[in-house]
Amino acid sequence: MDVIDTLTVPPTKEVEVSFCIDFCPSRWSGEQLVVGAMDKVQVYRVGRDTVKLRPVEELKGHRGLVRDVSWAAGMGRSYHLIATGCKDGHVRIFKLTAASGHPSPLRSKYSANSSNRRQQRMGTLGAGLTGADEIPTPNGDDETNNNDVGEGLSVELIGDFDDHHSDVWRVSWNATGTVLSSAGDDGTIRLWKAAFSGEFQCLSVIASQKSGYAFTEVF
């Protein structure tokens, strides 16, 4: 379908490399994916005037190779959450919201569907009053509606944790996009969840017997 050059210059053979990718799980947000290439993380999206994926936002702040990226499920939120795991020992959580002047992807989709339904009802009513044989058909869930997501999202770093104190190899959201798990070279799996204030906190730590850590929970 497409070929994307994530680096302008390929790394040399003797250099340690790291590449990772994750697609946006929301069906209402169009084609989007987040790509980690070495120490750089970018969000790619299909624009309204092209069918090609192109970089639109960069998730900055990484001071080492990005080992993993994970895009959270939307579950009705008006913003996106993306987590990264880095060689510098940090787990980072980024919040992406619609930039000023652009509607959110979810709002754009439902607005388009509502407009289609209104047009269908008006067309049907008009045809019944005039006796016309043809009734206008709705546009339906046309995929072009999904691409009306604006040209940019506002990126905010809302979580930055170095609790692993070593390389973070994996990050993964649960099915609802509310709990983030991270695994590092310290031999632990840490679970992160947002408190009522919206600030993410460590919910629990799961450790192997050899790691020397005890199982803890934070409420």
C-alpha atoms as a PDB file:
ATOM      1  CA  MET A   1       0.000   0.000   0.000  1.00  0.00           C
ATOM      2  CA  ASP A   2       2.697   2.490   0.944  1.00  0.00           C
ATOM      3  CA  VAL A   3       6.411   2.846   1.664  1.00  0.00           C
ATOM      4  CA  ILE A   4       7.551   5.369   4.265  1.00  0.00           C
ATOM      5  CA  ASP A   5      11.128   6.494   4.831  1.00  0.00           C
ATOM      6  CA  THR A   6      11.376   7.074   8.575  1.00  0.00           C
ATOM      7  CA  LEU A   7      15.071   8.035   8.507  1.00  0.00           C
ATOM      8  CA  THR A   8      16.837  10.303   6.068  1.00  0.00           C
ATOM      9  CA  VAL A   9      20.084   8.343   6.525  1.00  0.00           C
ATOM     10  CA  PRO A  10      20.036   4.605   7.402  1.00  0.00           C
ATOM     11  CA  PRO A  11      22.054   3.651  10.508  1.00  0.00           C
ATOM     12  CA  THR A  12      25.382   1.922  10.088  1.00  0.00           C
ATOM     13  CA  LYS A  13      25.672  -1.804  10.735  1.00  0.00           C
ATOM     14  CA  GLU A  14      27.658  -1.475  13.949  1.00  0.00           C
ATOM     15  CA  VAL A  15      25.087   0.854  15.571  1.00  0.00           C
ATOM     16  CA  GLU A  16      22.333  -0.531  17.808  1.00  0.00           C
ATOM     17  CA  VAL A  17      18.948   0.089  16.203  1.00  0.00           C
ATOM     18  CA  SER A  18      15.352   0.143  17.357  1.00  0.00           C
ATOM     19  CA  PHE A  19      12.124   0.438  15.346  1.00  0.00           C
ATOM     20  CA  CYS A  20       8.514  -0.011  16.480  1.00  0.00           C
ATOM     21  CA  ILE A  21       5.035   0.767  15.184  1.00  0.00           C
ATOM     22  CA  ASP A  22       1.410   0.787  16.325  1.00  0.00           C
ATOM     23  CA  PHE A  23      -1.814   1.708  14.527  1.00  0.00           C
ATOM     24  CA  CYS A  24      -4.516   3.932  15.976  1.00  0.00           C
ATOM     25  CA  PRO A  25      -7.228   1.507  17.200  1.00  0.00           C
ATOM     26  CA  SER A  26     -10.097   3.996  16.825  1.00  0.00           C
ATOM     27  CA  ARG A  27     -12.349   3.303  13.845  1.00  0.00           C
ATOM     28  CA  TRP A  28     -13.501   6.941  13.774  1.00  0.00           C
ATOM     29  CA  SER A  29     -10.084   8.580  13.445  1.00  0.00           C
ATOM     30  CA  GLY A  30      -9.034   7.542   9.965  1.00  0.00           C
ATOM     31  CA  GLU A  31      -5.726   5.945   9.084  1.00  0.00           C
ATOM     32  CA  GLN A  32      -3.166   6.913  11.717  1.00  0.00           C
ATOM     33  CA  LEU A  33      -0.115   5.220  13.121  1.00  0.00           C
ATOM     34  CA  VAL A  34       2.746   6.036  15.457  1.00  0.00           C
ATOM     35  CA  VAL A  35       6.272   5.045  14.463  1.00  0.00           C
ATOM     36  CA  GLY A  36       9.369   4.888  16.634  1.00  0.00           C
ATOM     37  CA  ALA A  37      12.585   5.057  14.619  1.00  0.00           C
ATOM     38  CA  MET A  38      15.752   5.095  16.719  1.00  0.00           C
ATOM     39  CA  ASP A  39      15.220   7.970  19.211  1.00  0.00           C
ATOM     40  CA  LYS A  40      12.472   9.687  17.226  1.00  0.00           C
ATOM     41  CA  VAL A  41       8.704   9.119  17.469  1.00  0.00           C
ATOM     42  CA  GLN A  42       6.289  10.495  14.878  1.00  0.00           C
ATOM     43  CA  VAL A  43       2.571  10.226  14.179  1.00  0.00           C
ATOM     44  CA  TYR A  44       1.624   9.553  10.562  1.00  0.00           C
ATOM     45  CA  ARG A  45      -1.779  10.316   9.100  1.00  0.00           C
ATOM     46  CA  VAL A  46      -3.561  10.272   5.758  1.00  0.00           C
ATOM     47  CA  GLY A  47      -4.325  13.883   4.854  1.00  0.00           C
ATOM     48  CA  ARG A  48      -7.562  15.197   3.418  1.00  0.00           C
ATOM     49  CA  ASP A  49      -5.928  15.975   0.074  1.00  0.00           C
ATOM     50  CA  THR A  50      -3.834  12.812  -0.349  1.00  0.00           C
ATOM     51  CA  VAL A  51      -3.988   9.049   0.128  1.00  0.00           C
ATOM     52  CA  LYS A  52      -0.404   8.879   1.361  1.00  0.00           C
ATOM     53  CA  LEU A  53       0.615   8.633   5.005  1.00  0.00           C
ATOM     54  CA  ARG A  54       2.724  11.560   6.097  1.00  0.00           C
ATOM     55  CA  PRO A  55       4.285  12.706   9.398  1.00  0.00           C
ATOM     56  CA  VAL A  56       2.152  15.305  11.141  1.00  0.00           C
ATOM     57  CA  GLU A  57       3.265  15.318  14.799  1.00  0.00           C
ATOM     58  CA  GLU A  58       6.431  14.407  16.685  1.00  0.00           C
ATOM     59  CA  LEU A  59       6.492  13.077  20.253  1.00  0.00           C
ATOM     60  CA  LYS A  60       9.617  14.711  21.620  1.00  0.00           C
ATOM     61  CA  GLY A  61      11.715  14.224  24.747  1.00  0.00           C
ATOM     62  CA  HIS A  62      13.300  10.791  24.238  1.00  0.00           C
ATOM     63  CA  ARG A  63      16.977  10.576  25.194  1.00  0.00           C
ATOM     64  CA  GLY A  64      17.665   7.107  23.862  1.00  0.00           C
ATOM     65  CA  LEU A  65      16.414   4.402  21.545  1.00  0.00           C
ATOM     66  CA  VAL A  66      12.627   4.028  21.622  1.00  0.00           C
ATOM     67  CA  ARG A  67      11.936   0.356  22.314  1.00  0.00           C
ATOM     68  CA  ASP A  68       8.144   0.306  22.015  1.00  0.00           C
ATOM     69  CA  VAL A  69       5.093   2.454  21.297  1.00  0.00           C
ATOM     70  CA  SER A  70       1.431   1.810  22.115  1.00  0.00           C
ATOM     71  CA  TRP A  71      -1.703   3.713  21.024  1.00  0.00           C
ATOM     72  CA  ALA A  72      -4.592   3.508  23.497  1.00  0.00           C
ATOM     73  CA  ALA A  73      -8.161   2.707  22.501  1.00  0.00           C
ATOM     74  CA  GLY A  74     -10.368   5.819  22.497  1.00  0.00           C
ATOM     75  CA  MET A  75     -13.453   4.503  24.331  1.00  0.00           C
ATOM     76  CA  GLY A  76     -15.369   7.752  23.773  1.00  0.00           C
ATOM     77  CA  ARG A  77     -12.526  10.110  24.716  1.00  0.00           C
ATOM     78  CA  SER A  78     -12.116  13.332  22.735  1.00  0.00           C
ATOM     79  CA  TYR A  79      -8.319  12.903  22.736  1.00  0.00           C
ATOM     80  CA  HIS A  80      -5.706  10.222  22.062  1.00  0.00           C
ATOM     81  CA  LEU A  81      -3.151   8.636  24.402  1.00  0.00           C
ATOM     82  CA  ILE A  82       0.163   7.218  23.192  1.00  0.00           C
ATOM     83  CA  ALA A  83       2.751   5.572  25.438  1.00  0.00           C
ATOM     84  CA  THR A  84       6.433   4.981  24.699  1.00  0.00           C
ATOM     85  CA  GLY A  85       9.118   2.856  26.331  1.00  0.00           C
ATOM     86  CA  CYS A  86      12.690   4.069  25.978  1.00  0.00           C
ATOM     87  CA  LYS A  87      16.254   2.881  26.549  1.00  0.00           C
ATOM     88  CA  ASP A  88      16.795   5.883  28.826  1.00  0.00           C
ATOM     89  CA  GLY A  89      14.601   4.067  31.384  1.00  0.00           C
ATOM     90  CA  HIS A  90      11.550   6.275  31.010  1.00  0.00           C
ATOM     91  CA  VAL A  91       7.909   5.455  30.350  1.00  0.00           C
ATOM     92  CA  ARG A  92       6.227   8.440  28.710  1.00  0.00           C
ATOM     93  CA  ILE A  93       2.547   9.119  28.075  1.00  0.00           C
ATOM     94  CA  PHE A  94       1.502  11.690  25.487  1.00  0.00           C
ATOM     95  CA  LYS A  95      -1.923  13.275  25.100  1.00  0.00           C
ATOM     96  CA  LEU A  96      -2.991  14.322  21.594  1.00  0.00           C
ATOM     97  CA  THR A  97      -5.938  16.684  21.252  1.00  0.00           C
ATOM     98  CA  ALA A  98      -7.445  18.477  18.274  1.00  0.00           C
ATOM     99  CA  ALA A  99      -5.550  21.665  17.498  1.00  0.00           C
ATOM    100  CA  SER A 100      -7.380  24.985  17.775  1.00  0.00           C
ATOM    101  CA  GLY A 101      -9.751  25.463  14.873  1.00  0.00           C
ATOM    102  CA  HIS A 102     -10.000  21.757  14.027  1.00  0.00           C
ATOM    103  CA  PRO A 103     -12.777  19.468  15.266  1.00  0.00           C
ATOM    104  CA  SER A 104     -11.871  16.253  17.018  1.00  0.00           C
ATOM    105  CA  PRO A 105     -11.930  13.085  14.843  1.00  0.00           C
ATOM    106  CA  LEU A 106     -14.802  11.634  16.855  1.00  0.00           C
ATOM    107  CA  ARG A 107     -16.850  14.820  16.599  1.00  0.00           C
ATOM    108  CA  SER A 108     -16.154  15.095  12.861  1.00  0.00           C
ATOM    109  CA  LYS A 109     -17.387  11.569  12.243  1.00  0.00           C
ATOM    110  CA  TYR A 110     -20.625  11.922  14.185  1.00  0.00           C
ATOM    111  CA  SER A 111     -21.294  15.371  12.727  1.00  0.00           C
ATOM    112  CA  ALA A 112     -20.984  13.952   9.225  1.00  0.00           C
ATOM    113  CA  ASN A 113     -23.320  11.044  10.029  1.00  0.00           C
ATOM    114  CA  SER A 114     -25.882  13.379  11.629  1.00  0.00           C
ATOM    115  CA  SER A 115     -25.822  15.607   8.549  1.00  0.00           C
ATOM    116  CA  ASN A 116     -26.354  12.583   6.306  1.00  0.00           C
ATOM    117  CA  ARG A 117     -29.340  11.448   8.345  1.00  0.00           C
ATOM    118  CA  ARG A 118     -30.897  14.909   8.250  1.00  0.00           C
ATOM    119  CA  GLN A 119     -30.450  15.078   4.478  1.00  0.00           C
ATOM    120  CA  GLN A 120     -32.031  11.642   4.109  1.00  0.00           C
ATOM    121  CA  ARG A 121     -35.074  12.600   6.176  1.00  0.00           C
ATOM    122  CA  MET A 122     -35.561  15.870   4.314  1.00  0.00           C
ATOM    123  CA  GLY A 123     -35.152  14.134   0.952  1.00  0.00           C
ATOM    124  CA  THR A 124     -37.655  11.442   1.859  1.00  0.00           C
ATOM    125  CA  LEU A 125     -40.174  14.008   3.105  1.00  0.00           C
ATOM    126  CA  GLY A 126     -39.764  16.121  -0.035  1.00  0.00           C
ATOM    127  CA  ALA A 127     -40.197  13.114  -2.300  1.00  0.00           C
ATOM    128  CA  GLY A 128     -43.381  12.104  -0.487  1.00  0.00           C
ATOM    129  CA  LEU A 129     -44.905  15.574  -0.804  1.00  0.00           C
ATOM    130  CA  THR A 130     -44.044  16.001  -4.496  1.00  0.00           C
ATOM    131  CA  GLY A 131     -44.743  12.431  -5.553  1.00  0.00           C
ATOM    132  CA  ALA A 132     -41.229  11.957  -6.913  1.00  0.00           C
ATOM    133  CA  ASP A 133     -40.192   8.412  -7.748  1.00  0.00           C
ATOM    134  CA  GLU A 134     -36.573   8.727  -6.617  1.00  0.00           C
ATOM    135  CA  ILE A 135     -35.565   9.154  -3.012  1.00  0.00           C
ATOM    136  CA  PRO A 136     -32.043  10.446  -2.272  1.00  0.00           C
ATOM    137  CA  THR A 137     -29.802   7.842  -0.687  1.00  0.00           C
ATOM    138  CA  PRO A 138     -27.583   8.671   2.288  1.00  0.00           C
ATOM    139  CA  ASN A 139     -23.822   8.889   1.964  1.00  0.00           C
ATOM    140  CA  GLY A 140     -23.463   6.240   4.647  1.00  0.00           C
ATOM    141  CA  ASP A 141     -20.214   5.492   6.457  1.00  0.00           C
ATOM    142  CA  ASP A 142     -18.016   6.658   3.618  1.00  0.00           C
ATOM    143  CA  GLU A 143     -14.357   6.307   4.509  1.00  0.00           C
ATOM    144  CA  THR A 144     -13.698   9.871   3.351  1.00  0.00           C
ATOM    145  CA  ASN A 145     -15.480  11.095   6.471  1.00  0.00           C
ATOM    146  CA  ASN A 146     -12.796   9.455   8.597  1.00  0.00           C
ATOM    147  CA  ASN A 147     -10.043  11.535   7.018  1.00  0.00           C
ATOM    148  CA  ASP A 148     -11.506  14.869   8.090  1.00  0.00           C
ATOM    149  CA  VAL A 149      -9.314  15.082  11.173  1.00  0.00           C
ATOM    150  CA  GLY A 150      -7.606  18.404  10.594  1.00  0.00           C
ATOM    151  CA  GLU A 151      -3.980  19.003   9.779  1.00  0.00           C
ATOM    152  CA  GLY A 152      -2.565  18.825  13.268  1.00  0.00           C
ATOM    153  CA  LEU A 153      -3.008  17.693  16.837  1.00  0.00           C
ATOM    154  CA  SER A 154      -1.748  19.383  19.979  1.00  0.00           C
ATOM    155  CA  VAL A 155       0.805  17.135  21.711  1.00  0.00           C
ATOM    156  CA  GLU A 156       1.258  17.238  25.493  1.00  0.00           C
ATOM    157  CA  LEU A 157       3.526  15.095  27.681  1.00  0.00           C
ATOM    158  CA  ILE A 158       1.313  14.139  30.641  1.00  0.00           C
ATOM    159  CA  GLY A 159       3.406  11.330  32.133  1.00  0.00           C
ATOM    160  CA  ASP A 160       7.167  10.748  32.442  1.00  0.00           C
ATOM    161  CA  PHE A 161       8.315   7.994  34.806  1.00  0.00           C
ATOM    162  CA  ASP A 162      11.761   6.500  35.395  1.00  0.00           C
ATOM    163  CA  ASP A 163      10.700   3.915  37.991  1.00  0.00           C
ATOM    164  CA  HIS A 164      12.287   1.028  36.058  1.00  0.00           C
ATOM    165  CA  HIS A 165      15.767   2.614  36.369  1.00  0.00           C
ATOM    166  CA  SER A 166      16.792   0.619  33.291  1.00  0.00           C
ATOM    167  CA  ASP A 167      15.793  -0.062  29.703  1.00  0.00           C
ATOM    168  CA  VAL A 168      12.023  -0.181  29.119  1.00  0.00           C
ATOM    169  CA  TRP A 169      11.285  -2.791  26.478  1.00  0.00           C
ATOM    170  CA  ARG A 170       7.507  -3.027  26.287  1.00  0.00           C
ATOM    171  CA  VAL A 171       4.488  -0.792  26.843  1.00  0.00           C
ATOM    172  CA  SER A 172       0.901  -1.884  26.236  1.00  0.00           C
ATOM    173  CA  TRP A 173      -2.555  -0.471  27.000  1.00  0.00           C
ATOM    174  CA  ASN A 174      -5.435  -2.645  28.146  1.00  0.00           C
ATOM    175  CA  ALA A 175      -8.512  -3.132  25.954  1.00  0.00           C
ATOM    176  CA  THR A 176     -10.233   0.023  27.228  1.00  0.00           C
ATOM    177  CA  GLY A 177      -7.143   2.252  27.087  1.00  0.00           C
ATOM    178  CA  THR A 178      -7.317   3.043  30.803  1.00  0.00           C
ATOM    179  CA  VAL A 179      -4.412   1.021  32.226  1.00  0.00           C
ATOM    180  CA  LEU A 180      -0.878   0.992  30.826  1.00  0.00           C
ATOM    181  CA  SER A 181       1.582  -1.816  31.521  1.00  0.00           C
ATOM    182  CA  SER A 182       5.350  -1.455  31.114  1.00  0.00           C
ATOM    183  CA  ALA A 183       8.170  -3.998  31.333  1.00  0.00           C
ATOM    184  CA  GLY A 184      11.839  -3.223  31.856  1.00  0.00           C
ATOM    185  CA  ASP A 185      15.259  -4.715  32.486  1.00  0.00           C
ATOM    186  CA  ASP A 186      14.681  -4.412  36.228  1.00  0.00           C
ATOM    187  CA  GLY A 187      12.537  -7.546  35.962  1.00  0.00           C
ATOM    188  CA  THR A 188       9.257  -5.846  36.844  1.00  0.00           C
ATOM    189  CA  ILE A 189       5.950  -5.131  35.156  1.00  0.00           C
ATOM    190  CA  ARG A 190       4.423  -1.853  36.273  1.00  0.00           C
ATOM    191  CA  LEU A 191       0.784  -0.852  35.827  1.00  0.00           C
ATOM    192  CA  TRP A 192      -0.125   2.804  35.394  1.00  0.00           C
ATOM    193  CA  LYS A 193      -3.556   4.374  35.718  1.00  0.00           C
ATOM    194  CA  ALA A 194      -4.897   7.918  35.834  1.00  0.00           C
ATOM    195  CA  ALA A 195      -6.190   9.179  39.168  1.00  0.00           C
ATOM    196  CA  PHE A 196      -9.312  11.332  39.538  1.00  0.00           C
ATOM    197  CA  SER A 197      -7.098  14.370  38.927  1.00  0.00           C
ATOM    198  CA  GLY A 198      -6.080  12.940  35.543  1.00  0.00           C
ATOM    199  CA  GLU A 199      -2.472  12.409  36.629  1.00  0.00           C
ATOM    200  CA  PHE A 200      -1.091   8.937  35.915  1.00  0.00           C
ATOM    201  CA  GLN A 201       0.256   6.984  38.887  1.00  0.00           C
ATOM    202  CA  CYS A 202       1.805   3.574  39.444  1.00  0.00           C
ATOM    203  CA  LEU A 203      -1.050   1.256  40.363  1.00  0.00           C
ATOM    204  CA  SER A 204       0.962  -1.894  41.082  1.00  0.00           C
ATOM    205  CA  VAL A 205       4.301  -3.617  40.536  1.00  0.00           C
ATOM    206  CA  ILE A 206       4.582  -7.261  39.516  1.00  0.00           C
ATOM    207  CA  ALA A 207       8.048  -8.737  39.980  1.00  0.00           C
ATOM    208  CA  SER A 208       9.761 -12.088  39.550  1.00  0.00           C
ATOM    209  CA  GLN A 209      11.402 -13.742  42.528  1.00  0.00           C
ATOM    210  CA  LYS A 210      14.889 -13.175  41.107  1.00  0.00           C
ATOM    211  CA  SER A 211      14.405  -9.451  40.653  1.00  0.00           C
ATOM    212  CA  GLY A 212      14.510  -8.720  44.367  1.00  0.00           C
ATOM    213  CA  TYR A 213      11.344  -6.589  44.214  1.00  0.00           C
ATOM    214  CA  ALA A 214       8.254  -7.336  46.256  1.00  0.00           C
ATOM    215  CA  PHE A 215       4.727  -7.197  44.928  1.00  0.00           C
ATOM    216  CA  THR A 216       3.215  -3.831  45.862  1.00  0.00           C
ATOM    217  CA  GLU A 217      -0.043  -2.062  45.242  1.00  0.00           C
ATOM    218  CA  VAL A 218      -0.896   1.612  45.366  1.00  0.00           C
ATOM    219  CA  PHE A 219      -4.511   2.673  45.853  1.00  0.00           C
END
